[in-house]
């Protein structure tokens, strides 16, 4: 999910989004990232995108660790060209890159922001992993991908401001861990019989006081409803790395439980 390029850019950030997010079935939009085994079944559109049009499920990390000179160490993403690299590409793809709303440096240092890949870069990344189709769905894939990341950051900001109303955190780095279920995801699957998340990320958030907080993000796909757009649910919470994080999670759970018990509406998602 969390593909960013860490280049500098002084561009107005994009608008933030909610963290319960819908993709379009009409475009076959789904997250293009195949971090590892990705047991998730991919959503098909009403017009049916052929299975071969999806990135190959290789069971491997998308980062080519044998070619580390071409890897950005901040996000472990390949430094990919904006040029067309595959003869299979049948449509021109934009090379413009959207600036996220997610800061990667303190506000005092100019608050530079993480930058998403262009559609051409994303297509090239998929080609490296065996994608052999023309690329007509790449732009919609990228749109959903960016939307999910904006929603994730929005929810992290909510957590941070519950801790400190004046908080101005920034995303220092992140890592994909799809093959390592979080304890909560493990319980959802093994104790509650739920579907597993199709991806997991750990985001490392830096605070103004110099401390760092790790956030766990589990990505779930909502149930299929005929005629409805695909929905993706992001379960975002501080990792239980400190007593403070545990207290914060317990406090929110207690507050939301009490609110529901009184018949009131809780936080709007």
C-alpha atoms as a PDB file:
ATOM      1  CA  UNK A   1       0.000   0.000   0.000  1.00  0.00           C
ATOM      2  CA  UNK A   2       2.339   2.684   1.186  1.00  0.00           C
ATOM      3  CA  UNK A   3       4.356   3.494  -1.890  1.00  0.00           C
ATOM      4  CA  UNK A   4       6.012   6.891  -1.648  1.00  0.00           C
ATOM      5  CA  UNK A   5       8.998   8.478  -3.295  1.00  0.00           C
ATOM      6  CA  UNK A   6      10.961  10.750  -0.965  1.00  0.00           C
ATOM      7  CA  UNK A   7      11.912  13.455  -3.450  1.00  0.00           C
ATOM      8  CA  UNK A   8      11.663  17.082  -2.435  1.00  0.00           C
ATOM      9  CA  UNK A   9       8.731  19.006  -3.834  1.00  0.00           C
ATOM     10  CA  UNK A  10       7.229  22.358  -2.929  1.00  0.00           C
ATOM     11  CA  UNK A  11       3.711  21.692  -4.077  1.00  0.00           C
ATOM     12  CA  UNK A  12       0.432  22.171  -2.271  1.00  0.00           C
ATOM     13  CA  UNK A  13      -0.519  18.875  -0.587  1.00  0.00           C
ATOM     14  CA  UNK A  14      -3.529  16.941  -1.701  1.00  0.00           C
ATOM     15  CA  UNK A  15      -6.732  16.879   0.266  1.00  0.00           C
ATOM     16  CA  UNK A  16      -6.978  14.413   3.139  1.00  0.00           C
ATOM     17  CA  UNK A  17      -9.465  11.561   3.020  1.00  0.00           C
ATOM     18  CA  UNK A  18     -11.325   9.283   5.368  1.00  0.00           C
ATOM     19  CA  UNK A  19      -9.981   5.873   6.266  1.00  0.00           C
ATOM     20  CA  UNK A  20     -12.976   3.778   5.228  1.00  0.00           C
ATOM     21  CA  UNK A  21     -12.370   3.923   1.542  1.00  0.00           C
ATOM     22  CA  UNK A  22     -14.100   2.831  -1.620  1.00  0.00           C
ATOM     23  CA  UNK A  23     -12.554   1.749  -4.896  1.00  0.00           C
ATOM     24  CA  UNK A  24     -14.396   1.680  -8.192  1.00  0.00           C
ATOM     25  CA  UNK A  25     -15.504  -1.628  -9.601  1.00  0.00           C
ATOM     26  CA  UNK A  26     -16.091  -0.008 -12.956  1.00  0.00           C
ATOM     27  CA  UNK A  27     -12.371   0.617 -13.357  1.00  0.00           C
ATOM     28  CA  UNK A  28     -11.217  -2.585 -11.735  1.00  0.00           C
ATOM     29  CA  UNK A  29      -9.469  -0.427  -9.138  1.00  0.00           C
ATOM     30  CA  UNK A  30      -7.639  -2.268  -6.406  1.00  0.00           C
ATOM     31  CA  UNK A  31      -4.328  -1.888  -4.653  1.00  0.00           C
ATOM     32  CA  UNK A  32      -1.574  -2.902  -7.079  1.00  0.00           C
ATOM     33  CA  UNK A  33       0.943  -3.773  -4.406  1.00  0.00           C
ATOM     34  CA  UNK A  34       1.735  -7.485  -4.169  1.00  0.00           C
ATOM     35  CA  UNK A  35       4.092  -7.330  -1.193  1.00  0.00           C
ATOM     36  CA  UNK A  36       4.255 -11.019  -0.467  1.00  0.00           C
ATOM     37  CA  UNK A  37       1.786 -13.865  -0.692  1.00  0.00           C
ATOM     38  CA  UNK A  38      -1.320 -11.672  -0.855  1.00  0.00           C
ATOM     39  CA  UNK A  39      -3.842 -14.422  -0.268  1.00  0.00           C
ATOM     40  CA  UNK A  40      -6.556 -11.868  -0.805  1.00  0.00           C
ATOM     41  CA  UNK A  41      -8.783 -12.571  -3.796  1.00  0.00           C
ATOM     42  CA  UNK A  42      -8.731  -9.534  -6.048  1.00  0.00           C
ATOM     43  CA  UNK A  43     -12.018  -7.812  -6.772  1.00  0.00           C
ATOM     44  CA  UNK A  44     -13.185  -8.108 -10.347  1.00  0.00           C
ATOM     45  CA  UNK A  45     -15.173  -5.404 -12.102  1.00  0.00           C
ATOM     46  CA  UNK A  46     -18.538  -5.966 -13.735  1.00  0.00           C
ATOM     47  CA  UNK A  47     -16.705  -5.971 -17.050  1.00  0.00           C
ATOM     48  CA  UNK A  48     -14.202  -8.475 -15.618  1.00  0.00           C
ATOM     49  CA  UNK A  49     -10.547  -7.565 -15.706  1.00  0.00           C
ATOM     50  CA  UNK A  50      -8.776 -10.729 -16.793  1.00  0.00           C
ATOM     51  CA  UNK A  51      -6.638 -12.373 -14.080  1.00  0.00           C
ATOM     52  CA  UNK A  52      -3.597 -11.920 -16.281  1.00  0.00           C
ATOM     53  CA  UNK A  53      -4.168  -8.177 -16.130  1.00  0.00           C
ATOM     54  CA  UNK A  54      -3.342  -8.193 -12.443  1.00  0.00           C
ATOM     55  CA  UNK A  55       0.193  -8.173 -10.999  1.00  0.00           C
ATOM     56  CA  UNK A  56       1.542 -11.682 -10.627  1.00  0.00           C
ATOM     57  CA  UNK A  57       1.282 -13.147  -7.132  1.00  0.00           C
ATOM     58  CA  UNK A  58       4.888 -14.220  -6.879  1.00  0.00           C
ATOM     59  CA  UNK A  59       4.993 -14.856  -3.149  1.00  0.00           C
ATOM     60  CA  UNK A  60       7.960 -12.500  -2.936  1.00  0.00           C
ATOM     61  CA  UNK A  61       8.627  -9.010  -1.710  1.00  0.00           C
ATOM     62  CA  UNK A  62       8.362  -6.462  -4.553  1.00  0.00           C
ATOM     63  CA  UNK A  63      11.708  -4.997  -3.556  1.00  0.00           C
ATOM     64  CA  UNK A  64      14.577  -6.523  -5.502  1.00  0.00           C
ATOM     65  CA  UNK A  65      17.107  -6.957  -2.705  1.00  0.00           C
ATOM     66  CA  UNK A  66      19.779  -8.007  -5.179  1.00  0.00           C
ATOM     67  CA  UNK A  67      19.695  -4.548  -6.698  1.00  0.00           C
ATOM     68  CA  UNK A  68      19.973  -2.380  -3.610  1.00  0.00           C
ATOM     69  CA  UNK A  69      21.823   0.419  -5.393  1.00  0.00           C
ATOM     70  CA  UNK A  70      18.542   1.260  -7.104  1.00  0.00           C
ATOM     71  CA  UNK A  71      16.518   1.244  -3.854  1.00  0.00           C
ATOM     72  CA  UNK A  72      15.493   4.336  -1.925  1.00  0.00           C
ATOM     73  CA  UNK A  73      16.520   3.498   1.680  1.00  0.00           C
ATOM     74  CA  UNK A  74      13.779   5.688   3.181  1.00  0.00           C
ATOM     75  CA  UNK A  75      10.954   3.623   1.776  1.00  0.00           C
ATOM     76  CA  UNK A  76      12.629   0.541   0.249  1.00  0.00           C
ATOM     77  CA  UNK A  77      11.046   1.310  -3.097  1.00  0.00           C
ATOM     78  CA  UNK A  78      12.916   1.028  -6.393  1.00  0.00           C
ATOM     79  CA  UNK A  79      14.175   4.194  -8.065  1.00  0.00           C
ATOM     80  CA  UNK A  80      12.222   3.714 -11.254  1.00  0.00           C
ATOM     81  CA  UNK A  81      12.429   5.562 -14.522  1.00  0.00           C
ATOM     82  CA  UNK A  82       9.677   7.763 -15.890  1.00  0.00           C
ATOM     83  CA  UNK A  83      10.376   6.274 -19.320  1.00  0.00           C
ATOM     84  CA  UNK A  84       8.415   3.461 -20.919  1.00  0.00           C
ATOM     85  CA  UNK A  85      10.352   0.235 -20.331  1.00  0.00           C
ATOM     86  CA  UNK A  86       7.965  -2.423 -21.649  1.00  0.00           C
ATOM     87  CA  UNK A  87       6.867  -3.107 -25.202  1.00  0.00           C
ATOM     88  CA  UNK A  88       3.616  -4.441 -23.716  1.00  0.00           C
ATOM     89  CA  UNK A  89       2.554  -0.970 -22.580  1.00  0.00           C
ATOM     90  CA  UNK A  90      -0.332  -0.059 -24.858  1.00  0.00           C
ATOM     91  CA  UNK A  91      -1.417   3.302 -23.470  1.00  0.00           C
ATOM     92  CA  UNK A  92       0.533   6.446 -22.581  1.00  0.00           C
ATOM     93  CA  UNK A  93       0.703   6.996 -18.837  1.00  0.00           C
ATOM     94  CA  UNK A  94       1.158  10.301 -17.002  1.00  0.00           C
ATOM     95  CA  UNK A  95       4.530  11.080 -15.482  1.00  0.00           C
ATOM     96  CA  UNK A  96       3.198  13.739 -13.114  1.00  0.00           C
ATOM     97  CA  UNK A  97       3.474  12.812  -9.457  1.00  0.00           C
ATOM     98  CA  UNK A  98       0.995  13.812  -6.777  1.00  0.00           C
ATOM     99  CA  UNK A  99       2.282  15.378  -3.587  1.00  0.00           C
ATOM    100  CA  UNK A 100       0.719  13.769  -0.535  1.00  0.00           C
ATOM    101  CA  UNK A 101      -0.520  15.582   2.557  1.00  0.00           C
ATOM    102  CA  UNK A 102       1.966  13.559   4.611  1.00  0.00           C
ATOM    103  CA  UNK A 103       5.003  15.468   5.915  1.00  0.00           C
ATOM    104  CA  UNK A 104       8.366  13.731   5.945  1.00  0.00           C
ATOM    105  CA  UNK A 105      10.221  16.441   7.849  1.00  0.00           C
ATOM    106  CA  UNK A 106       9.378  18.781  10.747  1.00  0.00           C
ATOM    107  CA  UNK A 107       7.419  21.945  10.001  1.00  0.00           C
ATOM    108  CA  UNK A 108      10.428  23.966  11.187  1.00  0.00           C
ATOM    109  CA  UNK A 109      12.472  22.454   8.359  1.00  0.00           C
ATOM    110  CA  UNK A 110       9.998  23.345   5.649  1.00  0.00           C
ATOM    111  CA  UNK A 111       7.569  20.445   6.067  1.00  0.00           C
ATOM    112  CA  UNK A 112       8.517  18.724   2.813  1.00  0.00           C
ATOM    113  CA  UNK A 113       6.036  16.024   1.938  1.00  0.00           C
ATOM    114  CA  UNK A 114       6.092  12.484   0.699  1.00  0.00           C
ATOM    115  CA  UNK A 115       5.486  12.154  -3.000  1.00  0.00           C
ATOM    116  CA  UNK A 116       3.535   9.399  -4.694  1.00  0.00           C
ATOM    117  CA  UNK A 117       4.858   7.663  -7.814  1.00  0.00           C
ATOM    118  CA  UNK A 118       3.540   8.643 -11.198  1.00  0.00           C
ATOM    119  CA  UNK A 119       1.340   6.226 -13.112  1.00  0.00           C
ATOM    120  CA  UNK A 120       4.304   5.486 -15.381  1.00  0.00           C
ATOM    121  CA  UNK A 121       6.562   4.705 -12.424  1.00  0.00           C
ATOM    122  CA  UNK A 122       3.926   2.464 -10.897  1.00  0.00           C
ATOM    123  CA  UNK A 123       3.502   0.604 -14.170  1.00  0.00           C
ATOM    124  CA  UNK A 124       7.272   0.156 -14.410  1.00  0.00           C
ATOM    125  CA  UNK A 125       7.327  -1.202 -10.852  1.00  0.00           C
ATOM    126  CA  UNK A 126       4.631  -3.699 -11.774  1.00  0.00           C
ATOM    127  CA  UNK A 127       6.523  -4.722 -14.920  1.00  0.00           C
ATOM    128  CA  UNK A 128       9.489  -5.606 -12.708  1.00  0.00           C
ATOM    129  CA  UNK A 129       7.196  -8.057 -10.916  1.00  0.00           C
ATOM    130  CA  UNK A 130       5.797  -9.730 -14.014  1.00  0.00           C
ATOM    131  CA  UNK A 131       2.912  -7.468 -15.045  1.00  0.00           C
ATOM    132  CA  UNK A 132       2.507  -7.930 -18.805  1.00  0.00           C
ATOM    133  CA  UNK A 133      -0.659  -6.053 -19.764  1.00  0.00           C
ATOM    134  CA  UNK A 134      -1.111  -2.713 -21.498  1.00  0.00           C
ATOM    135  CA  UNK A 135      -1.630  -0.659 -18.347  1.00  0.00           C
ATOM    136  CA  UNK A 136      -5.040   0.878 -18.968  1.00  0.00           C
ATOM    137  CA  UNK A 137      -6.069   0.363 -15.320  1.00  0.00           C
ATOM    138  CA  UNK A 138      -2.900   1.725 -13.725  1.00  0.00           C
ATOM    139  CA  UNK A 139      -4.217   5.255 -13.204  1.00  0.00           C
ATOM    140  CA  UNK A 140      -7.274   4.014 -11.313  1.00  0.00           C
ATOM    141  CA  UNK A 141      -5.075   1.683  -9.264  1.00  0.00           C
ATOM    142  CA  UNK A 142      -2.846   4.593  -8.338  1.00  0.00           C
ATOM    143  CA  UNK A 143      -5.842   6.718  -7.380  1.00  0.00           C
ATOM    144  CA  UNK A 144      -7.111   4.088  -4.940  1.00  0.00           C
ATOM    145  CA  UNK A 145      -3.610   3.532  -3.558  1.00  0.00           C
ATOM    146  CA  UNK A 146      -3.098   7.244  -2.859  1.00  0.00           C
ATOM    147  CA  UNK A 147      -6.577   7.548  -1.366  1.00  0.00           C
ATOM    148  CA  UNK A 148      -5.863   4.753   1.105  1.00  0.00           C
ATOM    149  CA  UNK A 149      -2.594   6.311   2.215  1.00  0.00           C
ATOM    150  CA  UNK A 150      -4.216   9.693   2.780  1.00  0.00           C
ATOM    151  CA  UNK A 151      -6.872   8.020   4.901  1.00  0.00           C
ATOM    152  CA  UNK A 152      -4.233   6.206   6.925  1.00  0.00           C
ATOM    153  CA  UNK A 153      -2.411   9.428   7.712  1.00  0.00           C
ATOM    154  CA  UNK A 154      -5.669  11.173   8.633  1.00  0.00           C
ATOM    155  CA  UNK A 155      -6.371   8.532  11.259  1.00  0.00           C
ATOM    156  CA  UNK A 156      -2.811   8.674  12.607  1.00  0.00           C
ATOM    157  CA  UNK A 157      -3.255  12.422  13.055  1.00  0.00           C
ATOM    158  CA  UNK A 158      -6.429  11.748  15.036  1.00  0.00           C
ATOM    159  CA  UNK A 159      -4.526   9.418  17.362  1.00  0.00           C
ATOM    160  CA  UNK A 160      -1.674  11.889  17.745  1.00  0.00           C
ATOM    161  CA  UNK A 161      -3.957  14.820  18.542  1.00  0.00           C
ATOM    162  CA  UNK A 162      -5.754  12.755  21.172  1.00  0.00           C
ATOM    163  CA  UNK A 163      -2.379  12.508  22.849  1.00  0.00           C
ATOM    164  CA  UNK A 164      -1.353  16.125  22.197  1.00  0.00           C
ATOM    165  CA  UNK A 165      -3.763  18.634  20.676  1.00  0.00           C
ATOM    166  CA  UNK A 166      -0.821  20.650  19.327  1.00  0.00           C
ATOM    167  CA  UNK A 167       0.901  17.673  17.744  1.00  0.00           C
ATOM    168  CA  UNK A 168       2.621  18.163  14.388  1.00  0.00           C
ATOM    169  CA  UNK A 169       4.017  14.699  13.640  1.00  0.00           C
ATOM    170  CA  UNK A 170       5.662  13.578  10.428  1.00  0.00           C
ATOM    171  CA  UNK A 171       6.155  10.200   8.793  1.00  0.00           C
ATOM    172  CA  UNK A 172       9.809   9.267   9.121  1.00  0.00           C
ATOM    173  CA  UNK A 173       9.703   5.891   7.388  1.00  0.00           C
ATOM    174  CA  UNK A 174       7.524   2.841   6.866  1.00  0.00           C
ATOM    175  CA  UNK A 175       7.781  -0.829   6.083  1.00  0.00           C
ATOM    176  CA  UNK A 176       5.480  -3.425   4.555  1.00  0.00           C
ATOM    177  CA  UNK A 177       5.002  -6.599   6.629  1.00  0.00           C
ATOM    178  CA  UNK A 178       2.275  -8.609   4.861  1.00  0.00           C
ATOM    179  CA  UNK A 179       3.778 -11.948   5.900  1.00  0.00           C
ATOM    180  CA  UNK A 180       3.772 -11.024   9.607  1.00  0.00           C
ATOM    181  CA  UNK A 181       0.223 -10.843  10.988  1.00  0.00           C
ATOM    182  CA  UNK A 182      -0.271  -8.358  13.770  1.00  0.00           C
ATOM    183  CA  UNK A 183      -1.535  -9.842  17.068  1.00  0.00           C
ATOM    184  CA  UNK A 184      -4.917  -8.221  16.495  1.00  0.00           C
ATOM    185  CA  UNK A 185      -5.190  -9.588  12.946  1.00  0.00           C
ATOM    186  CA  UNK A 186      -4.196 -13.033  14.228  1.00  0.00           C
ATOM    187  CA  UNK A 187      -7.041 -12.909  16.738  1.00  0.00           C
ATOM    188  CA  UNK A 188      -9.521 -11.743  14.097  1.00  0.00           C
ATOM    189  CA  UNK A 189      -8.688 -14.781  11.968  1.00  0.00           C
ATOM    190  CA  UNK A 190      -8.065 -17.499  14.547  1.00  0.00           C
ATOM    191  CA  UNK A 191     -10.429 -16.578  17.368  1.00  0.00           C
ATOM    192  CA  UNK A 192     -13.217 -14.771  15.547  1.00  0.00           C
ATOM    193  CA  UNK A 193     -13.175 -16.560  12.196  1.00  0.00           C
ATOM    194  CA  UNK A 194     -12.748 -13.359  10.218  1.00  0.00           C
ATOM    195  CA  UNK A 195     -10.963 -12.818   6.934  1.00  0.00           C
ATOM    196  CA  UNK A 196      -7.281 -11.879   7.154  1.00  0.00           C
ATOM    197  CA  UNK A 197      -6.066  -8.451   6.087  1.00  0.00           C
ATOM    198  CA  UNK A 198      -4.627  -8.339   2.587  1.00  0.00           C
ATOM    199  CA  UNK A 199      -1.705  -6.183   3.692  1.00  0.00           C
ATOM    200  CA  UNK A 200       0.022  -4.813   6.757  1.00  0.00           C
ATOM    201  CA  UNK A 201       2.238  -1.781   7.175  1.00  0.00           C
ATOM    202  CA  UNK A 202       4.142  -0.301  10.084  1.00  0.00           C
ATOM    203  CA  UNK A 203       4.500   3.474   9.903  1.00  0.00           C
ATOM    204  CA  UNK A 204       7.091   5.206  12.082  1.00  0.00           C
ATOM    205  CA  UNK A 205       5.905   8.634  13.154  1.00  0.00           C
ATOM    206  CA  UNK A 206       8.271  11.240  14.599  1.00  0.00           C
ATOM    207  CA  UNK A 207       7.024  13.683  17.219  1.00  0.00           C
ATOM    208  CA  UNK A 208       8.066  17.196  18.153  1.00  0.00           C
ATOM    209  CA  UNK A 209       9.610  16.013  21.419  1.00  0.00           C
ATOM    210  CA  UNK A 210      12.018  13.760  19.519  1.00  0.00           C
ATOM    211  CA  UNK A 211      10.228  10.508  20.307  1.00  0.00           C
ATOM    212  CA  UNK A 212       9.015   8.061  17.697  1.00  0.00           C
ATOM    213  CA  UNK A 213       5.775   6.079  17.590  1.00  0.00           C
ATOM    214  CA  UNK A 214       5.094   2.997  15.515  1.00  0.00           C
ATOM    215  CA  UNK A 215       1.627   2.589  14.044  1.00  0.00           C
ATOM    216  CA  UNK A 216       0.284  -0.716  12.764  1.00  0.00           C
ATOM    217  CA  UNK A 217      -2.035  -0.595   9.753  1.00  0.00           C
ATOM    218  CA  UNK A 218      -4.011  -3.664   8.724  1.00  0.00           C
ATOM    219  CA  UNK A 219      -5.752  -3.390   5.351  1.00  0.00           C
ATOM    220  CA  UNK A 220      -9.035  -5.260   4.971  1.00  0.00           C
ATOM    221  CA  UNK A 221     -11.433  -5.554   2.076  1.00  0.00           C
ATOM    222  CA  UNK A 222     -15.115  -5.196   2.889  1.00  0.00           C
ATOM    223  CA  UNK A 223     -17.730  -7.806   1.966  1.00  0.00           C
ATOM    224  CA  UNK A 224     -18.854  -7.970  -1.629  1.00  0.00           C
ATOM    225  CA  UNK A 225     -22.282  -6.491  -2.224  1.00  0.00           C
ATOM    226  CA  UNK A 226     -23.799  -6.734  -5.658  1.00  0.00           C
ATOM    227  CA  UNK A 227     -23.887  -3.400  -7.422  1.00  0.00           C
ATOM    228  CA  UNK A 228     -21.776  -1.692  -4.764  1.00  0.00           C
ATOM    229  CA  UNK A 229     -18.253  -0.340  -5.004  1.00  0.00           C
ATOM    230  CA  UNK A 230     -15.462  -2.241  -3.303  1.00  0.00           C
ATOM    231  CA  UNK A 231     -14.749  -0.940   0.187  1.00  0.00           C
ATOM    232  CA  UNK A 232     -11.435  -1.093   2.020  1.00  0.00           C
ATOM    233  CA  UNK A 233     -11.192  -0.845   5.800  1.00  0.00           C
ATOM    234  CA  UNK A 234      -8.009   0.320   7.486  1.00  0.00           C
ATOM    235  CA  UNK A 235      -7.452  -0.732  11.096  1.00  0.00           C
ATOM    236  CA  UNK A 236      -4.944   1.823  12.360  1.00  0.00           C
ATOM    237  CA  UNK A 237      -3.629   1.988  15.914  1.00  0.00           C
ATOM    238  CA  UNK A 238      -0.454   2.667  17.899  1.00  0.00           C
ATOM    239  CA  UNK A 239       1.716  -0.411  18.310  1.00  0.00           C
ATOM    240  CA  UNK A 240       1.921  -1.661  21.885  1.00  0.00           C
ATOM    241  CA  UNK A 241       5.553  -0.650  22.211  1.00  0.00           C
ATOM    242  CA  UNK A 242       5.118   1.448  25.353  1.00  0.00           C
ATOM    243  CA  UNK A 243       2.798   1.845  28.353  1.00  0.00           C
ATOM    244  CA  UNK A 244       1.641   5.138  26.867  1.00  0.00           C
ATOM    245  CA  UNK A 245       0.480   3.476  23.652  1.00  0.00           C
ATOM    246  CA  UNK A 246      -1.357   0.788  25.618  1.00  0.00           C
ATOM    247  CA  UNK A 247      -3.051   3.436  27.759  1.00  0.00           C
ATOM    248  CA  UNK A 248      -4.100   5.380  24.679  1.00  0.00           C
ATOM    249  CA  UNK A 249      -5.672   2.334  23.035  1.00  0.00           C
ATOM    250  CA  UNK A 250      -7.473   1.312  26.232  1.00  0.00           C
ATOM    251  CA  UNK A 251      -8.722   4.874  26.712  1.00  0.00           C
ATOM    252  CA  UNK A 252     -10.190   5.036  23.219  1.00  0.00           C
ATOM    253  CA  UNK A 253     -11.786   1.605  23.533  1.00  0.00           C
ATOM    254  CA  UNK A 254     -13.315   2.554  26.895  1.00  0.00           C
ATOM    255  CA  UNK A 255     -14.616   5.855  25.538  1.00  0.00           C
ATOM    256  CA  UNK A 256     -16.164   4.291  22.440  1.00  0.00           C
ATOM    257  CA  UNK A 257     -17.698   1.433  24.444  1.00  0.00           C
ATOM    258  CA  UNK A 258     -19.262   3.861  26.907  1.00  0.00           C
ATOM    259  CA  UNK A 259     -20.572   6.038  24.093  1.00  0.00           C
ATOM    260  CA  UNK A 260     -22.242   3.048  22.432  1.00  0.00           C
ATOM    261  CA  UNK A 261     -23.694   1.876  25.748  1.00  0.00           C
ATOM    262  CA  UNK A 262     -25.397   5.256  26.119  1.00  0.00           C
ATOM    263  CA  UNK A 263     -26.856   4.926  22.640  1.00  0.00           C
ATOM    264  CA  UNK A 264     -24.880   7.847  21.306  1.00  0.00           C
ATOM    265  CA  UNK A 265     -22.962   8.040  18.069  1.00  0.00           C
ATOM    266  CA  UNK A 266     -19.214   7.725  18.344  1.00  0.00           C
ATOM    267  CA  UNK A 267     -16.576   9.055  16.021  1.00  0.00           C
ATOM    268  CA  UNK A 268     -17.678   9.400  12.424  1.00  0.00           C
ATOM    269  CA  UNK A 269     -15.434   7.449  10.070  1.00  0.00           C
END
